[in-house]
Amino acid sequence: MNESSPRQAASAASKRKDARRNQQTLLDAAAAVFVTSGVDAPVREIAAEAGVGLGTFYRHFPSRADLVIAVYRHQVDTCAEAGPALLAAGPTPFAALEGWGDLFVDFLVTKHGLAAAMQADSAGFEALHAYFLERLLPVCTDLLRAAAAAGEARSDLDAYHLMRGIGNLCIGTDTDPCYDPRRLVALLLAGLRQSP
């Protein structure tokens, strides 16, 4: 066996780890830039936010469509993973539901722009929407059930309708810079609170 093989393997593993870290950094940066500057934000702005060069950006995302799809999936996964973490760490199940609602609003504000950017690819958009429902409905269901079981929330609203309601309240954020859906989403969630 060649003596350099273990070193080469370690070097290759390190490069893969760096590549994954760069991709995660780019996805986080793109999501943040999309919220402030829209989906058509210049690639240079995203790369600068991530602290990487344009070559690194294009190595991970050869086209804007690749980036849009990756950001959408990344945000769905982030939102899905946050639910159980908030439930485990939160002071109450209802506080976890409220925290998740804020994250869901952030995702939806970006999602509207992502959806508009993908309208030409209806099959691709349908697949992403199915992924969205598959990942997020169970998380929202668990949060609602935990809050209801703790006596903090009403139990007569299902996750699908809550998510649709929050989604509807987020429409218009891209056309009205004065509109902040968080206030209305907070009112919607307050309406779910179980009366003592």
C-alpha atoms as a PDB file:
ATOM      1  CA  MET A   1       0.000   0.000   0.000  1.00  0.00           C
ATOM      2  CA  ASN A   2       1.258   3.462  -0.850  1.00  0.00           C
ATOM      3  CA  GLU A   3       2.230   5.600   2.179  1.00  0.00           C
ATOM      4  CA  SER A   4       0.536   8.660   0.706  1.00  0.00           C
ATOM      5  CA  SER A   5      -2.859   6.917   0.461  1.00  0.00           C
ATOM      6  CA  PRO A   6      -3.985   7.745   4.026  1.00  0.00           C
ATOM      7  CA  ARG A   7      -2.848  11.350   3.557  1.00  0.00           C
ATOM      8  CA  GLN A   8      -4.608  11.582   0.195  1.00  0.00           C
ATOM      9  CA  ALA A   9      -7.778  10.124   1.679  1.00  0.00           C
ATOM     10  CA  ALA A  10      -7.657  12.590   4.569  1.00  0.00           C
ATOM     11  CA  SER A  11      -7.072  15.450   2.129  1.00  0.00           C
ATOM     12  CA  ALA A  12     -10.002  14.360  -0.049  1.00  0.00           C
ATOM     13  CA  ALA A  13     -12.278  14.064   3.006  1.00  0.00           C
ATOM     14  CA  SER A  14     -11.195  17.527   4.132  1.00  0.00           C
ATOM     15  CA  LYS A  15     -11.992  18.961   0.678  1.00  0.00           C
ATOM     16  CA  ARG A  16     -15.436  17.340   0.717  1.00  0.00           C
ATOM     17  CA  LYS A  17     -16.069  18.768   4.178  1.00  0.00           C
ATOM     18  CA  ASP A  18     -14.982  22.231   2.987  1.00  0.00           C
ATOM     19  CA  ALA A  19     -17.219  21.909  -0.082  1.00  0.00           C
ATOM     20  CA  ARG A  20     -20.239  20.989   2.087  1.00  0.00           C
ATOM     21  CA  ARG A  21     -19.498  23.873   4.439  1.00  0.00           C
ATOM     22  CA  ASN A  22     -19.197  26.287   1.492  1.00  0.00           C
ATOM     23  CA  GLN A  23     -22.477  25.035   0.060  1.00  0.00           C
ATOM     24  CA  GLN A  24     -24.271  25.479   3.415  1.00  0.00           C
ATOM     25  CA  THR A  25     -22.789  28.975   3.752  1.00  0.00           C
ATOM     26  CA  LEU A  26     -23.935  29.851   0.232  1.00  0.00           C
ATOM     27  CA  LEU A  27     -27.446  28.534   0.878  1.00  0.00           C
ATOM     28  CA  ASP A  28     -27.758  30.534   4.108  1.00  0.00           C
ATOM     29  CA  ALA A  29     -26.402  33.650   2.395  1.00  0.00           C
ATOM     30  CA  ALA A  30     -28.704  33.243  -0.621  1.00  0.00           C
ATOM     31  CA  ALA A  31     -31.751  32.834   1.625  1.00  0.00           C
ATOM     32  CA  ALA A  32     -30.832  35.990   3.551  1.00  0.00           C
ATOM     33  CA  VAL A  33     -30.167  37.974   0.369  1.00  0.00           C
ATOM     34  CA  PHE A  34     -33.396  36.730  -1.227  1.00  0.00           C
ATOM     35  CA  VAL A  35     -35.376  38.059   1.759  1.00  0.00           C
ATOM     36  CA  THR A  36     -33.840  41.542   1.483  1.00  0.00           C
ATOM     37  CA  SER A  37     -33.141  41.867  -2.253  1.00  0.00           C
ATOM     38  CA  GLY A  38     -35.419  39.332  -3.944  1.00  0.00           C
ATOM     39  CA  VAL A  39     -34.695  36.200  -5.948  1.00  0.00           C
ATOM     40  CA  ASP A  40     -33.142  38.175  -8.774  1.00  0.00           C
ATOM     41  CA  ALA A  41     -30.398  39.542  -6.502  1.00  0.00           C
ATOM     42  CA  PRO A  42     -27.000  39.616  -8.187  1.00  0.00           C
ATOM     43  CA  VAL A  43     -24.854  36.527  -7.708  1.00  0.00           C
ATOM     44  CA  ARG A  44     -22.016  38.812  -6.563  1.00  0.00           C
ATOM     45  CA  GLU A  45     -24.158  39.935  -3.618  1.00  0.00           C
ATOM     46  CA  ILE A  46     -24.802  36.344  -2.553  1.00  0.00           C
ATOM     47  CA  ALA A  47     -21.140  35.369  -2.903  1.00  0.00           C
ATOM     48  CA  ALA A  48     -20.072  38.449  -0.922  1.00  0.00           C
ATOM     49  CA  GLU A  49     -22.595  37.648   1.834  1.00  0.00           C
ATOM     50  CA  ALA A  50     -21.199  34.106   1.989  1.00  0.00           C
ATOM     51  CA  GLY A  51     -17.596  35.316   1.925  1.00  0.00           C
ATOM     52  CA  VAL A  52     -16.676  33.207  -1.110  1.00  0.00           C
ATOM     53  CA  GLY A  53     -15.572  33.944  -4.664  1.00  0.00           C
ATOM     54  CA  LEU A  54     -17.717  33.693  -7.771  1.00  0.00           C
ATOM     55  CA  GLY A  55     -15.842  30.553  -8.842  1.00  0.00           C
ATOM     56  CA  THR A  56     -16.910  28.788  -5.644  1.00  0.00           C
ATOM     57  CA  PHE A  57     -20.466  29.987  -6.172  1.00  0.00           C
ATOM     58  CA  TYR A  58     -20.696  28.661  -9.733  1.00  0.00           C
ATOM     59  CA  ARG A  59     -19.008  25.385  -8.784  1.00  0.00           C
ATOM     60  CA  HIS A  60     -21.934  24.705  -6.459  1.00  0.00           C
ATOM     61  CA  PHE A  61     -24.716  26.344  -8.479  1.00  0.00           C
ATOM     62  CA  PRO A  62     -24.056  26.468 -12.232  1.00  0.00           C
ATOM     63  CA  SER A  63     -27.398  28.220 -12.895  1.00  0.00           C
ATOM     64  CA  ARG A  64     -29.838  30.429 -11.002  1.00  0.00           C
ATOM     65  CA  ALA A  65     -32.439  27.653 -11.230  1.00  0.00           C
ATOM     66  CA  ASP A  66     -30.040  25.299  -9.423  1.00  0.00           C
ATOM     67  CA  LEU A  67     -29.617  27.899  -6.685  1.00  0.00           C
ATOM     68  CA  VAL A  68     -33.357  28.579  -6.368  1.00  0.00           C
ATOM     69  CA  ILE A  69     -34.185  24.876  -6.020  1.00  0.00           C
ATOM     70  CA  ALA A  70     -31.377  24.326  -3.514  1.00  0.00           C
ATOM     71  CA  VAL A  71     -32.419  27.346  -1.401  1.00  0.00           C
ATOM     72  CA  TYR A  72     -36.044  26.195  -1.401  1.00  0.00           C
ATOM     73  CA  ARG A  73     -35.126  22.682  -0.241  1.00  0.00           C
ATOM     74  CA  HIS A  74     -32.610  24.043   2.281  1.00  0.00           C
ATOM     75  CA  GLN A  75     -35.213  26.336   3.821  1.00  0.00           C
ATOM     76  CA  VAL A  76     -37.799  23.543   3.986  1.00  0.00           C
ATOM     77  CA  ASP A  77     -35.260  21.316   5.738  1.00  0.00           C
ATOM     78  CA  THR A  78     -34.229  24.090   8.137  1.00  0.00           C
ATOM     79  CA  CYS A  79     -37.850  24.790   9.043  1.00  0.00           C
ATOM     80  CA  ALA A  80     -38.591  21.077   9.468  1.00  0.00           C
ATOM     81  CA  GLU A  81     -35.578  20.528  11.728  1.00  0.00           C
ATOM     82  CA  ALA A  82     -36.402  23.590  13.822  1.00  0.00           C
ATOM     83  CA  GLY A  83     -39.788  22.266  14.992  1.00  0.00           C
ATOM     84  CA  PRO A  84     -38.546  19.414  17.183  1.00  0.00           C
ATOM     85  CA  ALA A  85     -35.606  21.507  18.408  1.00  0.00           C
ATOM     86  CA  LEU A  86     -37.911  24.347  19.475  1.00  0.00           C
ATOM     87  CA  LEU A  87     -40.268  21.900  21.159  1.00  0.00           C
ATOM     88  CA  ALA A  88     -37.402  20.321  23.109  1.00  0.00           C
ATOM     89  CA  ALA A  89     -35.799  23.625  24.122  1.00  0.00           C
ATOM     90  CA  GLY A  90     -38.809  25.916  24.452  1.00  0.00           C
ATOM     91  CA  PRO A  91     -40.324  26.917  27.750  1.00  0.00           C
ATOM     92  CA  THR A  92     -43.748  25.686  26.549  1.00  0.00           C
ATOM     93  CA  PRO A  93     -45.152  23.911  23.501  1.00  0.00           C
ATOM     94  CA  PHE A  94     -47.066  27.059  22.552  1.00  0.00           C
ATOM     95  CA  ALA A  95     -43.857  29.129  22.694  1.00  0.00           C
ATOM     96  CA  ALA A  96     -42.305  26.534  20.368  1.00  0.00           C
ATOM     97  CA  LEU A  97     -45.269  26.904  18.008  1.00  0.00           C
ATOM     98  CA  GLU A  98     -44.847  30.698  18.021  1.00  0.00           C
ATOM     99  CA  GLY A  99     -41.111  30.407  17.353  1.00  0.00           C
ATOM    100  CA  TRP A 100     -41.737  27.999  14.520  1.00  0.00           C
ATOM    101  CA  GLY A 101     -44.376  30.354  13.128  1.00  0.00           C
ATOM    102  CA  ASP A 102     -41.735  33.104  12.886  1.00  0.00           C
ATOM    103  CA  LEU A 103     -39.371  30.767  11.008  1.00  0.00           C
ATOM    104  CA  PHE A 104     -42.193  29.665   8.737  1.00  0.00           C
ATOM    105  CA  VAL A 105     -42.969  33.319   7.905  1.00  0.00           C
ATOM    106  CA  ASP A 106     -39.306  33.889   6.992  1.00  0.00           C
ATOM    107  CA  PHE A 107     -39.447  30.865   4.712  1.00  0.00           C
ATOM    108  CA  LEU A 108     -42.733  31.914   3.101  1.00  0.00           C
ATOM    109  CA  VAL A 109     -41.551  35.434   2.380  1.00  0.00           C
ATOM    110  CA  THR A 110     -38.659  33.927   0.423  1.00  0.00           C
ATOM    111  CA  LYS A 111     -40.806  31.129  -1.021  1.00  0.00           C
ATOM    112  CA  HIS A 112     -43.109  33.517  -2.884  1.00  0.00           C
ATOM    113  CA  GLY A 113     -40.163  34.854  -4.865  1.00  0.00           C
ATOM    114  CA  LEU A 114     -38.793  31.357  -5.387  1.00  0.00           C
ATOM    115  CA  ALA A 115     -42.153  30.143  -6.676  1.00  0.00           C
ATOM    116  CA  ALA A 116     -42.372  33.024  -9.134  1.00  0.00           C
ATOM    117  CA  ALA A 117     -38.854  32.258 -10.365  1.00  0.00           C
ATOM    118  CA  MET A 118     -39.810  28.620 -10.989  1.00  0.00           C
ATOM    119  CA  GLN A 119     -43.153  29.063 -12.733  1.00  0.00           C
ATOM    120  CA  ALA A 120     -41.685  28.039 -16.081  1.00  0.00           C
ATOM    121  CA  ASP A 121     -40.894  24.594 -14.635  1.00  0.00           C
ATOM    122  CA  SER A 122     -44.307  23.437 -13.393  1.00  0.00           C
ATOM    123  CA  ALA A 123     -43.238  19.802 -12.856  1.00  0.00           C
ATOM    124  CA  GLY A 124     -40.236  20.927 -10.823  1.00  0.00           C
ATOM    125  CA  PHE A 125     -42.371  23.298  -8.791  1.00  0.00           C
ATOM    126  CA  GLU A 126     -44.961  20.583  -8.096  1.00  0.00           C
ATOM    127  CA  ALA A 127     -42.201  18.262  -6.868  1.00  0.00           C
ATOM    128  CA  LEU A 128     -40.901  20.987  -4.534  1.00  0.00           C
ATOM    129  CA  HIS A 129     -44.405  21.699  -3.255  1.00  0.00           C
ATOM    130  CA  ALA A 130     -44.900  17.997  -2.506  1.00  0.00           C
ATOM    131  CA  TYR A 131     -41.555  18.023  -0.653  1.00  0.00           C
ATOM    132  CA  PHE A 132     -42.696  21.107   1.281  1.00  0.00           C
ATOM    133  CA  LEU A 133     -45.905  19.369   2.434  1.00  0.00           C
ATOM    134  CA  GLU A 134     -44.167  16.065   3.178  1.00  0.00           C
ATOM    135  CA  ARG A 135     -41.561  17.718   5.413  1.00  0.00           C
ATOM    136  CA  LEU A 136     -43.519  20.523   7.088  1.00  0.00           C
ATOM    137  CA  LEU A 137     -47.037  19.182   7.696  1.00  0.00           C
ATOM    138  CA  PRO A 138     -45.868  16.568  10.239  1.00  0.00           C
ATOM    139  CA  VAL A 139     -43.768  19.162  12.083  1.00  0.00           C
ATOM    140  CA  CYS A 140     -46.634  21.642  12.343  1.00  0.00           C
ATOM    141  CA  THR A 141     -48.970  18.801  13.367  1.00  0.00           C
ATOM    142  CA  ASP A 142     -46.620  17.780  16.189  1.00  0.00           C
ATOM    143  CA  LEU A 143     -46.336  21.368  17.428  1.00  0.00           C
ATOM    144  CA  LEU A 144     -50.110  21.869  17.391  1.00  0.00           C
ATOM    145  CA  ARG A 145     -50.737  18.559  19.155  1.00  0.00           C
ATOM    146  CA  ALA A 146     -48.137  19.301  21.829  1.00  0.00           C
ATOM    147  CA  ALA A 147     -49.642  22.741  22.504  1.00  0.00           C
ATOM    148  CA  ALA A 148     -53.161  21.254  22.649  1.00  0.00           C
ATOM    149  CA  ALA A 149     -52.038  18.400  24.930  1.00  0.00           C
ATOM    150  CA  ALA A 150     -50.479  20.965  27.274  1.00  0.00           C
ATOM    151  CA  GLY A 151     -53.806  22.809  27.391  1.00  0.00           C
ATOM    152  CA  GLU A 152     -52.251  25.855  25.727  1.00  0.00           C
ATOM    153  CA  ALA A 153     -53.981  25.707  22.348  1.00  0.00           C
ATOM    154  CA  ARG A 154     -57.297  24.795  20.858  1.00  0.00           C
ATOM    155  CA  SER A 155     -57.391  21.440  19.131  1.00  0.00           C
ATOM    156  CA  ASP A 156     -59.917  22.232  16.406  1.00  0.00           C
ATOM    157  CA  LEU A 157     -57.466  23.465  13.751  1.00  0.00           C
ATOM    158  CA  ASP A 158     -55.287  21.142  11.719  1.00  0.00           C
ATOM    159  CA  ALA A 159     -51.751  21.881  10.541  1.00  0.00           C
ATOM    160  CA  TYR A 160     -52.683  22.192   6.871  1.00  0.00           C
ATOM    161  CA  HIS A 161     -55.169  24.972   7.549  1.00  0.00           C
ATOM    162  CA  LEU A 162     -52.827  26.774   9.934  1.00  0.00           C
ATOM    163  CA  MET A 163     -50.034  26.669   7.364  1.00  0.00           C
ATOM    164  CA  ARG A 164     -52.400  27.896   4.630  1.00  0.00           C
ATOM    165  CA  GLY A 165     -53.582  30.711   6.891  1.00  0.00           C
ATOM    166  CA  ILE A 166     -50.034  31.811   7.650  1.00  0.00           C
ATOM    167  CA  GLY A 167     -49.200  31.531   3.949  1.00  0.00           C
ATOM    168  CA  ASN A 168     -52.130  33.715   2.978  1.00  0.00           C
ATOM    169  CA  LEU A 169     -51.068  36.351   5.499  1.00  0.00           C
ATOM    170  CA  CYS A 170     -47.611  36.446   3.888  1.00  0.00           C
ATOM    171  CA  ILE A 171     -48.929  37.313   0.437  1.00  0.00           C
ATOM    172  CA  GLY A 172     -48.151  40.892  -0.468  1.00  0.00           C
ATOM    173  CA  THR A 173     -44.846  41.271   1.320  1.00  0.00           C
ATOM    174  CA  ASP A 174     -43.033  41.442  -2.010  1.00  0.00           C
ATOM    175  CA  THR A 175     -45.224  44.282  -3.308  1.00  0.00           C
ATOM    176  CA  ASP A 176     -45.676  46.350  -0.138  1.00  0.00           C
ATOM    177  CA  PRO A 177     -42.493  47.136   1.801  1.00  0.00           C
ATOM    178  CA  CYS A 178     -44.564  48.538   4.690  1.00  0.00           C
ATOM    179  CA  TYR A 179     -46.404  45.256   5.227  1.00  0.00           C
ATOM    180  CA  ASP A 180     -45.060  42.919   7.906  1.00  0.00           C
ATOM    181  CA  PRO A 181     -47.059  39.697   8.127  1.00  0.00           C
ATOM    182  CA  ARG A 182     -45.580  38.818  11.539  1.00  0.00           C
ATOM    183  CA  ARG A 183     -48.092  41.009  13.369  1.00  0.00           C
ATOM    184  CA  LEU A 184     -51.044  39.279  11.725  1.00  0.00           C
ATOM    185  CA  VAL A 185     -49.510  35.833  12.161  1.00  0.00           C
ATOM    186  CA  ALA A 186     -49.059  36.639  15.870  1.00  0.00           C
ATOM    187  CA  LEU A 187     -52.767  37.524  16.032  1.00  0.00           C
ATOM    188  CA  LEU A 188     -53.672  34.287  14.258  1.00  0.00           C
ATOM    189  CA  LEU A 189     -51.616  32.261  16.729  1.00  0.00           C
ATOM    190  CA  ALA A 190     -53.052  34.225  19.665  1.00  0.00           C
ATOM    191  CA  GLY A 191     -56.474  33.124  18.422  1.00  0.00           C
ATOM    192  CA  LEU A 192     -55.383  29.514  18.858  1.00  0.00           C
ATOM    193  CA  ARG A 193     -54.536  30.048  22.513  1.00  0.00           C
ATOM    194  CA  GLN A 194     -56.742  28.032  24.801  1.00  0.00           C
ATOM    195  CA  SER A 195     -58.758  30.184  27.181  1.00  0.00           C
ATOM    196  CA  PRO A 196     -57.789  29.519  30.818  1.00  0.00           C
END
